[in-house]
Amino acid sequence: MQTVKKETYGFRPKSEQAAELVDRIHRINWFSAVGSPNADVEREINQFTKLLKVKQPNIEWVSLKDIPETISTFNVTGSDVWEVLYHLPDRIAEESKWTGRMDIIDELVYHMPELVYVKAFDKAFTVFSDEKTVAFVSTHVMYVSVLACLWEALSDRKGWAENPFNSIITILEAGYFPIGPNGSKFLIC
């Protein structure tokens, strides 16, 4: 696998696993396939929820034209996926302190948002017509990318070996947008 050089995006995490994931994220062609359902994407969502150890949600595809309305009514209440994700930053922080990896975590939290947000925002602006949608989509993929890299920085630790966010990154690499859990559903565009 060819990796992006440090000077391309301004930092290189001290964790090789996280650095490889940063390289993958850096190369994403954001939102290039939104709006067309894909069975492989659904399998990745099922893998994501399986690794999070939650019940498989009903997967629902949202059309490109319906994204603004879907986002305006988006609600994570009652979602098993969200219940796990809500507590994940605290779990990551605790494990990072315990293992002495706060410097890696701090570096990822500092650098990843800029790396992802600018490219995702620029592409979202050309794909989605609504300003609120552009902001939601860009912020969402930035947050998910940061969580994916934080998990990967801990991937050599017991209980952290299988990164569920690899499935989400695979979906993003394929050009889709996993909107996320909405009650008992998982929405994708």
N, C-alpha and C. Protein backbone atom coordinates (compact mmCIF):
# COMPACT_ATOMS: atom_id res chain seq x y z
N MET A 1 0.84 -1.18 0.00
CA MET A 1 0.00 0.00 0.00
C MET A 1 0.89 1.24 0.00
N GLN A 2 0.62 2.12 -0.92
CA GLN A 2 1.38 3.37 -0.97
C GLN A 2 0.79 4.34 0.05
N THR A 3 1.65 5.00 0.80
CA THR A 3 1.15 5.93 1.80
C THR A 3 1.42 7.36 1.37
N VAL A 4 0.59 8.26 1.88
CA VAL A 4 0.76 9.68 1.61
C VAL A 4 1.88 10.19 2.50
N LYS A 5 2.74 11.00 1.96
CA LYS A 5 3.86 11.54 2.74
C LYS A 5 3.36 12.58 3.74
N LYS A 6 4.09 12.71 4.82
CA LYS A 6 3.72 13.62 5.90
C LYS A 6 3.41 15.03 5.40
N GLU A 7 4.24 15.54 4.52
CA GLU A 7 4.05 16.91 4.09
C GLU A 7 2.78 17.11 3.27
N THR A 8 2.17 16.03 2.79
CA THR A 8 0.94 16.14 2.02
C THR A 8 -0.21 16.65 2.88
N TYR A 9 -0.28 16.20 4.12
CA TYR A 9 -1.40 16.64 4.95
C TYR A 9 -0.98 17.19 6.31
N GLY A 10 0.31 17.39 6.52
CA GLY A 10 0.76 18.16 7.66
C GLY A 10 1.08 17.41 8.94
N PHE A 11 0.81 16.11 9.03
CA PHE A 11 1.17 15.36 10.23
C PHE A 11 1.18 13.88 9.90
N ARG A 12 1.78 13.11 10.76
CA ARG A 12 1.79 11.66 10.62
C ARG A 12 1.71 11.08 12.03
N PRO A 13 0.58 10.46 12.37
CA PRO A 13 0.44 9.90 13.72
C PRO A 13 1.55 8.91 14.04
N LYS A 14 1.93 8.86 15.30
CA LYS A 14 2.98 7.93 15.73
C LYS A 14 2.50 6.49 15.69
N SER A 15 1.21 6.27 15.61
CA SER A 15 0.65 4.93 15.49
C SER A 15 0.59 4.58 14.00
N GLU A 16 1.29 3.53 13.59
CA GLU A 16 1.31 3.13 12.18
C GLU A 16 -0.09 2.77 11.69
N GLN A 17 -0.88 2.09 12.54
CA GLN A 17 -2.22 1.71 12.15
C GLN A 17 -3.06 2.95 11.86
N ALA A 18 -2.96 3.94 12.74
CA ALA A 18 -3.72 5.17 12.53
C ALA A 18 -3.21 5.91 11.30
N ALA A 19 -1.90 5.91 11.09
CA ALA A 19 -1.33 6.60 9.93
C ALA A 19 -1.83 6.00 8.63
N GLU A 20 -1.95 4.68 8.58
CA GLU A 20 -2.47 4.03 7.37
C GLU A 20 -3.93 4.41 7.13
N LEU A 21 -4.70 4.51 8.19
CA LEU A 21 -6.10 4.90 8.04
C LEU A 21 -6.21 6.36 7.62
N VAL A 22 -5.36 7.22 8.16
CA VAL A 22 -5.34 8.62 7.73
C VAL A 22 -5.06 8.70 6.23
N ASP A 23 -4.14 7.89 5.76
CA ASP A 23 -3.84 7.87 4.32
C ASP A 23 -5.08 7.49 3.51
N ARG A 24 -5.79 6.47 3.96
CA ARG A 24 -7.01 6.06 3.25
C ARG A 24 -8.03 7.19 3.22
N ILE A 25 -8.23 7.82 4.36
CA ILE A 25 -9.22 8.90 4.45
C ILE A 25 -8.81 10.08 3.57
N HIS A 26 -7.53 10.36 3.54
CA HIS A 26 -7.03 11.48 2.73
C HIS A 26 -7.36 11.30 1.24
N ARG A 27 -7.43 10.06 0.79
CA ARG A 27 -7.66 9.78 -0.63
C ARG A 27 -9.14 9.65 -1.00
N ILE A 28 -10.06 9.77 -0.08
CA ILE A 28 -11.48 9.57 -0.37
C ILE A 28 -11.98 10.60 -1.38
N ASN A 29 -12.72 10.09 -2.34
CA ASN A 29 -13.44 10.95 -3.30
C ASN A 29 -14.86 11.10 -2.73
N TRP A 30 -15.03 12.08 -1.90
CA TRP A 30 -16.24 12.26 -1.11
C TRP A 30 -17.51 12.30 -1.96
N PHE A 31 -18.50 11.53 -1.54
CA PHE A 31 -19.89 11.58 -2.03
C PHE A 31 -20.03 11.34 -3.53
N SER A 32 -19.12 10.62 -4.13
CA SER A 32 -19.14 10.42 -5.58
C SER A 32 -20.22 9.45 -6.05
N ALA A 33 -20.82 8.67 -5.16
CA ALA A 33 -21.84 7.69 -5.57
C ALA A 33 -23.15 7.85 -4.82
N VAL A 34 -23.35 8.94 -4.11
CA VAL A 34 -24.57 9.09 -3.31
C VAL A 34 -25.81 8.95 -4.18
N GLY A 35 -26.83 8.38 -3.56
CA GLY A 35 -28.12 8.29 -4.23
C GLY A 35 -28.39 7.00 -4.97
N SER A 36 -27.44 6.09 -5.03
CA SER A 36 -27.69 4.82 -5.74
C SER A 36 -27.43 3.65 -4.79
N PRO A 37 -28.49 2.94 -4.39
CA PRO A 37 -28.34 1.83 -3.44
C PRO A 37 -27.33 0.78 -3.91
N ASN A 38 -26.69 0.14 -2.92
CA ASN A 38 -25.62 -0.80 -3.20
C ASN A 38 -25.61 -1.86 -2.09
N ALA A 39 -25.72 -3.13 -2.49
CA ALA A 39 -25.75 -4.23 -1.51
C ALA A 39 -24.46 -4.34 -0.72
N ASP A 40 -23.31 -4.02 -1.33
CA ASP A 40 -22.04 -4.07 -0.60
C ASP A 40 -22.03 -3.08 0.56
N VAL A 41 -22.63 -1.92 0.34
CA VAL A 41 -22.71 -0.91 1.40
C VAL A 41 -23.56 -1.44 2.55
N GLU A 42 -24.65 -2.09 2.23
CA GLU A 42 -25.50 -2.66 3.28
C GLU A 42 -24.75 -3.71 4.09
N ARG A 43 -23.94 -4.52 3.42
CA ARG A 43 -23.12 -5.52 4.15
C ARG A 43 -22.13 -4.82 5.08
N GLU A 44 -21.57 -3.72 4.64
CA GLU A 44 -20.63 -2.97 5.50
C GLU A 44 -21.34 -2.39 6.72
N ILE A 45 -22.56 -1.91 6.56
CA ILE A 45 -23.33 -1.40 7.71
C ILE A 45 -23.59 -2.55 8.68
N ASN A 46 -23.95 -3.71 8.16
CA ASN A 46 -24.19 -4.86 9.03
C ASN A 46 -22.91 -5.27 9.76
N GLN A 47 -21.78 -5.20 9.08
CA GLN A 47 -20.49 -5.50 9.73
C GLN A 47 -20.18 -4.47 10.82
N PHE A 48 -20.43 -3.21 10.53
CA PHE A 48 -20.23 -2.13 11.50
C PHE A 48 -21.03 -2.39 12.77
N THR A 49 -22.31 -2.68 12.63
CA THR A 49 -23.15 -2.88 13.81
C THR A 49 -22.79 -4.18 14.53
N LYS A 50 -22.38 -5.19 13.77
CA LYS A 50 -21.95 -6.45 14.38
C LYS A 50 -20.74 -6.21 15.28
N LEU A 51 -19.76 -5.46 14.78
CA LEU A 51 -18.55 -5.19 15.57
C LEU A 51 -18.84 -4.28 16.77
N LEU A 52 -19.87 -3.45 16.66
CA LEU A 52 -20.28 -2.63 17.80
C LEU A 52 -21.09 -3.45 18.81
N LYS A 53 -21.45 -4.67 18.40
CA LYS A 53 -22.22 -5.59 19.24
C LYS A 53 -23.62 -5.06 19.55
N VAL A 54 -24.26 -4.55 18.49
CA VAL A 54 -25.65 -4.10 18.61
C VAL A 54 -26.50 -4.83 17.58
N LYS A 55 -27.79 -4.80 17.81
CA LYS A 55 -28.75 -5.45 16.91
C LYS A 55 -28.66 -4.83 15.51
N GLN A 56 -28.77 -5.68 14.49
CA GLN A 56 -28.74 -5.19 13.11
C GLN A 56 -29.93 -4.26 12.88
N PRO A 57 -29.67 -3.04 12.47
CA PRO A 57 -30.78 -2.11 12.21
C PRO A 57 -31.40 -2.37 10.83
N ASN A 58 -32.58 -1.86 10.63
CA ASN A 58 -33.16 -1.85 9.29
C ASN A 58 -32.43 -0.78 8.49
N ILE A 59 -31.95 -1.14 7.32
CA ILE A 59 -31.20 -0.19 6.50
C ILE A 59 -32.16 0.47 5.53
N GLU A 60 -32.10 1.78 5.48
CA GLU A 60 -32.99 2.54 4.60
C GLU A 60 -32.15 3.49 3.74
N TRP A 61 -32.36 3.41 2.44
CA TRP A 61 -31.67 4.30 1.50
C TRP A 61 -32.47 5.58 1.34
N VAL A 62 -31.77 6.70 1.37
CA VAL A 62 -32.39 8.01 1.22
C VAL A 62 -31.91 8.58 -0.11
N SER A 63 -32.85 9.08 -0.88
CA SER A 63 -32.48 9.66 -2.17
C SER A 63 -31.79 11.00 -1.95
N LEU A 64 -31.04 11.41 -2.92
CA LEU A 64 -30.32 12.68 -2.85
C LEU A 64 -31.29 13.84 -2.62
N LYS A 65 -32.42 13.81 -3.30
CA LYS A 65 -33.39 14.91 -3.16
C LYS A 65 -34.05 14.94 -1.78
N ASP A 66 -34.08 13.80 -1.10
CA ASP A 66 -34.72 13.72 0.22
C ASP A 66 -33.77 13.98 1.39
N ILE A 67 -32.51 14.18 1.10
CA ILE A 67 -31.52 14.39 2.17
C ILE A 67 -31.86 15.58 3.06
N PRO A 68 -32.18 16.77 2.53
CA PRO A 68 -32.46 17.90 3.43
C PRO A 68 -33.58 17.61 4.43
N GLU A 69 -34.68 17.03 3.95
CA GLU A 69 -35.79 16.72 4.85
C GLU A 69 -35.40 15.65 5.86
N THR A 70 -34.66 14.63 5.40
CA THR A 70 -34.23 13.55 6.29
C THR A 70 -33.34 14.09 7.41
N ILE A 71 -32.42 14.95 7.04
CA ILE A 71 -31.52 15.52 8.04
C ILE A 71 -32.27 16.42 9.02
N SER A 72 -33.27 17.14 8.54
CA SER A 72 -34.02 18.03 9.43
C SER A 72 -34.84 17.26 10.46
N THR A 73 -35.16 16.00 10.17
CA THR A 73 -35.94 15.19 11.12
C THR A 73 -35.10 14.07 11.74
N PHE A 74 -33.82 14.09 11.50
CA PHE A 74 -32.91 13.07 11.99
C PHE A 74 -32.94 13.01 13.51
N ASN A 75 -33.08 11.79 14.06
CA ASN A 75 -33.20 11.64 15.51
C ASN A 75 -32.55 10.33 15.94
N VAL A 76 -31.54 10.40 16.77
CA VAL A 76 -30.84 9.20 17.22
C VAL A 76 -31.49 8.53 18.42
N THR A 77 -32.53 9.13 18.97
CA THR A 77 -33.22 8.57 20.14
C THR A 77 -33.70 7.16 19.84
N GLY A 78 -33.44 6.26 20.76
CA GLY A 78 -33.89 4.88 20.60
C GLY A 78 -32.98 4.02 19.74
N SER A 79 -31.81 4.52 19.42
CA SER A 79 -30.89 3.78 18.57
C SER A 79 -29.84 3.05 19.40
N ASP A 80 -29.76 1.75 19.21
CA ASP A 80 -28.71 0.97 19.89
C ASP A 80 -27.33 1.41 19.42
N VAL A 81 -27.21 1.72 18.14
CA VAL A 81 -25.93 2.17 17.59
C VAL A 81 -25.50 3.46 18.28
N TRP A 82 -26.42 4.41 18.39
CA TRP A 82 -26.06 5.68 19.01
C TRP A 82 -25.68 5.51 20.48
N GLU A 83 -26.35 4.60 21.16
CA GLU A 83 -26.03 4.37 22.57
C GLU A 83 -24.56 3.98 22.74
N VAL A 84 -24.06 3.15 21.84
CA VAL A 84 -22.65 2.75 21.88
C VAL A 84 -21.75 3.92 21.46
N LEU A 85 -22.12 4.60 20.37
CA LEU A 85 -21.29 5.69 19.87
C LEU A 85 -21.21 6.86 20.84
N TYR A 86 -22.28 7.11 21.56
CA TYR A 86 -22.33 8.21 22.52
C TYR A 86 -21.24 8.07 23.59
N HIS A 87 -21.01 6.86 24.04
CA HIS A 87 -20.03 6.61 25.10
C HIS A 87 -18.61 6.36 24.58
N LEU A 88 -18.47 6.22 23.27
CA LEU A 88 -17.19 5.85 22.69
C LEU A 88 -16.07 6.87 22.96
N PRO A 89 -16.29 8.17 22.82
CA PRO A 89 -15.19 9.11 23.11
C PRO A 89 -14.63 8.96 24.53
N ASP A 90 -15.50 8.72 25.49
CA ASP A 90 -15.03 8.53 26.87
C ASP A 90 -14.22 7.24 27.00
N ARG A 91 -14.66 6.18 26.34
CA ARG A 91 -13.92 4.91 26.36
C ARG A 91 -12.54 5.08 25.73
N ILE A 92 -12.49 5.81 24.62
CA ILE A 92 -11.22 6.05 23.93
C ILE A 92 -10.29 6.86 24.83
N ALA A 93 -10.80 7.90 25.44
CA ALA A 93 -9.98 8.73 26.33
C ALA A 93 -9.44 7.92 27.50
N GLU A 94 -10.30 7.11 28.09
CA GLU A 94 -9.87 6.29 29.23
C GLU A 94 -8.78 5.30 28.82
N GLU A 95 -8.97 4.62 27.70
CA GLU A 95 -7.98 3.65 27.24
C GLU A 95 -6.67 4.35 26.86
N SER A 96 -6.79 5.54 26.28
CA SER A 96 -5.60 6.29 25.87
C SER A 96 -4.78 6.75 27.06
N LYS A 97 -5.45 7.20 28.10
CA LYS A 97 -4.74 7.60 29.33
C LYS A 97 -4.06 6.38 29.96
N TRP A 98 -4.80 5.28 30.03
CA TRP A 98 -4.30 4.06 30.64
C TRP A 98 -3.05 3.55 29.92
N THR A 99 -3.01 3.70 28.60
CA THR A 99 -1.90 3.17 27.80
C THR A 99 -0.84 4.21 27.48
N GLY A 100 -1.02 5.42 27.96
CA GLY A 100 -0.03 6.47 27.69
C GLY A 100 -0.02 6.95 26.24
N ARG A 101 -1.16 6.95 25.60
CA ARG A 101 -1.24 7.34 24.20
C ARG A 101 -1.96 8.66 23.97
N MET A 102 -2.06 9.46 24.97
CA MET A 102 -2.78 10.72 24.82
C MET A 102 -2.13 11.62 23.77
N ASP A 103 -0.81 11.51 23.59
CA ASP A 103 -0.16 12.34 22.58
C ASP A 103 -0.64 11.97 21.18
N ILE A 104 -0.83 10.68 20.91
CA ILE A 104 -1.35 10.25 19.60
C ILE A 104 -2.79 10.71 19.43
N ILE A 105 -3.58 10.53 20.47
CA ILE A 105 -4.99 10.92 20.43
C ILE A 105 -5.10 12.43 20.22
N ASP A 106 -4.33 13.20 20.97
CA ASP A 106 -4.35 14.66 20.82
C ASP A 106 -3.97 15.08 19.40
N GLU A 107 -2.96 14.41 18.85
CA GLU A 107 -2.51 14.73 17.49
C GLU A 107 -3.62 14.46 16.47
N LEU A 108 -4.27 13.34 16.60
CA LEU A 108 -5.37 13.00 15.68
C LEU A 108 -6.54 13.97 15.83
N VAL A 109 -6.92 14.27 17.06
CA VAL A 109 -8.03 15.19 17.30
C VAL A 109 -7.70 16.59 16.78
N TYR A 110 -6.45 16.98 16.85
CA TYR A 110 -6.04 18.31 16.39
C TYR A 110 -6.01 18.40 14.86
N HIS A 111 -5.45 17.38 14.20
CA HIS A 111 -5.21 17.46 12.76
C HIS A 111 -6.31 16.90 11.87
N MET A 112 -6.98 15.85 12.29
CA MET A 112 -7.95 15.19 11.42
C MET A 112 -9.12 16.07 11.00
N PRO A 113 -9.71 16.87 11.88
CA PRO A 113 -10.84 17.67 11.42
C PRO A 113 -10.52 18.54 10.20
N GLU A 114 -9.40 19.20 10.22
CA GLU A 114 -9.04 20.04 9.08
C GLU A 114 -8.79 19.20 7.83
N LEU A 115 -8.11 18.09 7.99
CA LEU A 115 -7.81 17.21 6.86
C LEU A 115 -9.08 16.75 6.16
N VAL A 116 -10.09 16.40 6.93
CA VAL A 116 -11.32 15.87 6.36
C VAL A 116 -12.30 16.97 5.98
N TYR A 117 -12.52 17.92 6.87
CA TYR A 117 -13.61 18.87 6.69
C TYR A 117 -13.50 19.68 5.40
N VAL A 118 -12.35 20.20 5.10
CA VAL A 118 -12.21 21.08 3.94
C VAL A 118 -12.53 20.34 2.64
N LYS A 119 -11.94 19.15 2.46
CA LYS A 119 -12.21 18.38 1.24
C LYS A 119 -13.67 17.92 1.19
N ALA A 120 -14.18 17.45 2.30
CA ALA A 120 -15.56 16.97 2.33
C ALA A 120 -16.53 18.13 2.08
N PHE A 121 -16.28 19.27 2.68
CA PHE A 121 -17.15 20.44 2.49
C PHE A 121 -17.15 20.87 1.03
N ASP A 122 -15.97 20.97 0.44
CA ASP A 122 -15.89 21.39 -0.97
C ASP A 122 -16.69 20.46 -1.87
N LYS A 123 -16.55 19.15 -1.65
CA LYS A 123 -17.28 18.19 -2.49
C LYS A 123 -18.77 18.20 -2.14
N ALA A 124 -19.11 18.29 -0.87
CA ALA A 124 -20.51 18.32 -0.46
C ALA A 124 -21.23 19.52 -1.06
N PHE A 125 -20.53 20.62 -1.17
CA PHE A 125 -21.11 21.84 -1.74
C PHE A 125 -21.53 21.63 -3.20
N THR A 126 -20.79 20.77 -3.92
CA THR A 126 -21.14 20.51 -5.32
C THR A 126 -22.19 19.42 -5.47
N VAL A 127 -22.35 18.56 -4.46
CA VAL A 127 -23.29 17.43 -4.55
C VAL A 127 -24.64 17.75 -3.94
N PHE A 128 -24.65 18.40 -2.79
CA PHE A 128 -25.89 18.68 -2.06
C PHE A 128 -26.24 20.15 -2.23
N SER A 129 -27.50 20.44 -2.45
CA SER A 129 -27.88 21.82 -2.74
C SER A 129 -28.16 22.66 -1.50
N ASP A 130 -28.53 22.04 -0.43
CA ASP A 130 -28.96 22.74 0.78
C ASP A 130 -27.76 23.04 1.69
N GLU A 131 -27.64 24.29 2.17
CA GLU A 131 -26.52 24.68 3.02
C GLU A 131 -26.47 23.90 4.33
N LYS A 132 -27.63 23.65 4.94
CA LYS A 132 -27.66 22.87 6.18
C LYS A 132 -27.19 21.45 5.94
N THR A 133 -27.55 20.91 4.79
CA THR A 133 -27.11 19.56 4.44
C THR A 133 -25.60 19.52 4.27
N VAL A 134 -25.05 20.49 3.58
CA VAL A 134 -23.60 20.56 3.37
C VAL A 134 -22.88 20.60 4.72
N ALA A 135 -23.36 21.44 5.63
CA ALA A 135 -22.74 21.55 6.95
C ALA A 135 -22.88 20.23 7.72
N PHE A 136 -24.07 19.63 7.70
CA PHE A 136 -24.30 18.38 8.41
C PHE A 136 -23.39 17.27 7.88
N VAL A 137 -23.40 17.10 6.57
CA VAL A 137 -22.63 16.03 5.93
C VAL A 137 -21.14 16.20 6.20
N SER A 138 -20.63 17.40 6.06
CA SER A 138 -19.20 17.66 6.25
C SER A 138 -18.78 17.41 7.69
N THR A 139 -19.57 17.89 8.62
CA THR A 139 -19.27 17.70 10.03
C THR A 139 -19.38 16.23 10.41
N HIS A 140 -20.37 15.57 9.88
CA HIS A 140 -20.59 14.16 10.18
C HIS A 140 -19.42 13.28 9.73
N VAL A 141 -18.97 13.45 8.50
CA VAL A 141 -17.86 12.61 8.02
C VAL A 141 -16.56 12.96 8.73
N MET A 142 -16.42 14.20 9.14
CA MET A 142 -15.24 14.59 9.92
C MET A 142 -15.24 13.85 11.26
N TYR A 143 -16.36 13.86 11.95
CA TYR A 143 -16.48 13.21 13.25
C TYR A 143 -16.23 11.70 13.15
N VAL A 144 -16.84 11.07 12.16
CA VAL A 144 -16.68 9.63 11.97
C VAL A 144 -15.22 9.30 11.63
N SER A 145 -14.59 10.11 10.82
CA SER A 145 -13.19 9.89 10.45
C SER A 145 -12.27 9.99 11.67
N VAL A 146 -12.53 10.96 12.51
CA VAL A 146 -11.74 11.11 13.73
C VAL A 146 -11.92 9.89 14.62
N LEU A 147 -13.17 9.46 14.83
CA LEU A 147 -13.41 8.27 15.66
C LEU A 147 -12.72 7.04 15.08
N ALA A 148 -12.76 6.90 13.77
CA ALA A 148 -12.12 5.75 13.12
C ALA A 148 -10.62 5.73 13.42
N CYS A 149 -9.98 6.89 13.30
CA CYS A 149 -8.54 6.97 13.54
C CYS A 149 -8.19 6.80 15.02
N LEU A 150 -9.02 7.33 15.89
CA LEU A 150 -8.78 7.15 17.32
C LEU A 150 -8.86 5.68 17.70
N TRP A 151 -9.87 4.99 17.18
CA TRP A 151 -10.00 3.56 17.44
C TRP A 151 -8.76 2.84 16.92
N GLU A 152 -8.33 3.20 15.72
CA GLU A 152 -7.18 2.51 15.10
C GLU A 152 -5.91 2.72 15.92
N ALA A 153 -5.78 3.86 16.56
CA ALA A 153 -4.60 4.11 17.39
C ALA A 153 -4.54 3.18 18.60
N LEU A 154 -5.66 2.56 18.91
CA LEU A 154 -5.73 1.62 20.04
C LEU A 154 -5.88 0.17 19.58
N SER A 155 -5.77 -0.07 18.29
CA SER A 155 -6.11 -1.37 17.72
C SER A 155 -5.23 -2.54 18.16
N ASP A 156 -4.11 -2.25 18.78
CA ASP A 156 -3.28 -3.35 19.29
C ASP A 156 -3.68 -3.74 20.72
N ARG A 157 -4.64 -3.07 21.28
CA ARG A 157 -5.10 -3.33 22.64
C ARG A 157 -6.24 -4.36 22.65
N LYS A 158 -6.34 -5.11 23.72
CA LYS A 158 -7.41 -6.08 23.86
C LYS A 158 -8.76 -5.36 23.81
N GLY A 159 -9.66 -5.88 22.99
CA GLY A 159 -10.98 -5.29 22.85
C GLY A 159 -11.06 -4.21 21.78
N TRP A 160 -9.93 -3.86 21.20
CA TRP A 160 -9.90 -2.79 20.19
C TRP A 160 -9.38 -3.30 18.84
N ALA A 161 -9.13 -4.58 18.72
CA ALA A 161 -8.48 -5.13 17.53
C ALA A 161 -9.29 -4.92 16.25
N GLU A 162 -10.60 -5.13 16.31
CA GLU A 162 -11.43 -4.98 15.12
C GLU A 162 -12.13 -3.62 15.15
N ASN A 163 -11.70 -2.75 14.26
CA ASN A 163 -12.23 -1.39 14.19
C ASN A 163 -13.52 -1.38 13.37
N PRO A 164 -14.67 -1.17 14.01
CA PRO A 164 -15.93 -1.16 13.27
C PRO A 164 -15.98 -0.03 12.25
N PHE A 165 -15.23 1.02 12.49
CA PHE A 165 -15.26 2.17 11.59
C PHE A 165 -14.57 1.90 10.26
N ASN A 166 -13.81 0.81 10.17
CA ASN A 166 -13.25 0.44 8.87
C ASN A 166 -14.37 0.23 7.85
N SER A 167 -15.50 -0.31 8.30
CA SER A 167 -16.65 -0.48 7.42
C SER A 167 -17.20 0.87 6.96
N ILE A 168 -17.26 1.81 7.86
CA ILE A 168 -17.76 3.14 7.50
C ILE A 168 -16.79 3.82 6.53
N ILE A 169 -15.51 3.68 6.77
CA ILE A 169 -14.52 4.27 5.86
C ILE A 169 -14.62 3.62 4.49
N THR A 170 -14.84 2.31 4.44
CA THR A 170 -15.02 1.62 3.17
C THR A 170 -16.23 2.18 2.42
N ILE A 171 -17.30 2.46 3.13
CA ILE A 171 -18.49 3.05 2.53
C ILE A 171 -18.18 4.44 1.98
N LEU A 172 -17.46 5.23 2.75
CA LEU A 172 -17.08 6.57 2.31
C LEU A 172 -16.16 6.51 1.10
N GLU A 173 -15.23 5.55 1.11
CA GLU A 173 -14.33 5.37 -0.04
C GLU A 173 -15.10 5.01 -1.30
N ALA A 174 -16.20 4.28 -1.15
CA ALA A 174 -17.02 3.90 -2.30
C ALA A 174 -17.89 5.06 -2.79
N GLY A 175 -17.86 6.18 -2.07
CA GLY A 175 -18.58 7.38 -2.51
C GLY A 175 -19.95 7.58 -1.92
N TYR A 176 -20.31 6.77 -0.92
CA TYR A 176 -21.62 6.88 -0.29
C TYR A 176 -21.53 7.68 1.00
N PHE A 177 -22.70 8.05 1.51
CA PHE A 177 -22.77 8.79 2.77
C PHE A 177 -23.63 8.03 3.77
N PRO A 178 -23.01 7.40 4.78
CA PRO A 178 -23.78 6.74 5.83
C PRO A 178 -24.30 7.79 6.81
N ILE A 179 -25.55 8.15 6.66
CA ILE A 179 -26.14 9.21 7.49
C ILE A 179 -26.09 8.81 8.95
N GLY A 180 -26.47 7.57 9.23
CA GLY A 180 -26.36 7.09 10.60
C GLY A 180 -27.64 6.54 11.15
N PRO A 181 -27.60 6.23 12.45
CA PRO A 181 -28.76 5.62 13.09
C PRO A 181 -29.88 6.64 13.29
N ASN A 182 -31.08 6.20 12.98
CA ASN A 182 -32.27 7.02 13.18
C ASN A 182 -33.31 6.10 13.78
N GLY A 183 -33.37 6.07 15.12
CA GLY A 183 -34.24 5.12 15.80
C GLY A 183 -33.73 3.71 15.52
N SER A 184 -34.61 2.84 15.01
CA SER A 184 -34.23 1.45 14.72
C SER A 184 -33.69 1.29 13.29
N LYS A 185 -33.53 2.39 12.57
CA LYS A 185 -33.05 2.34 11.19
C LYS A 185 -31.62 2.86 11.11
N PHE A 186 -30.97 2.49 10.02
CA PHE A 186 -29.67 3.10 9.68
C PHE A 186 -29.86 3.67 8.29
N LEU A 187 -29.68 4.98 8.18
CA LEU A 187 -29.93 5.68 6.92
C LEU A 187 -28.64 5.85 6.12
N ILE A 188 -28.76 5.65 4.81
CA ILE A 188 -27.62 5.78 3.90
C ILE A 188 -28.08 6.53 2.66
N CYS A 189 -27.18 7.29 2.12
CA CYS A 189 -27.42 7.97 0.85
C CYS A 189 -26.26 7.65 -0.08
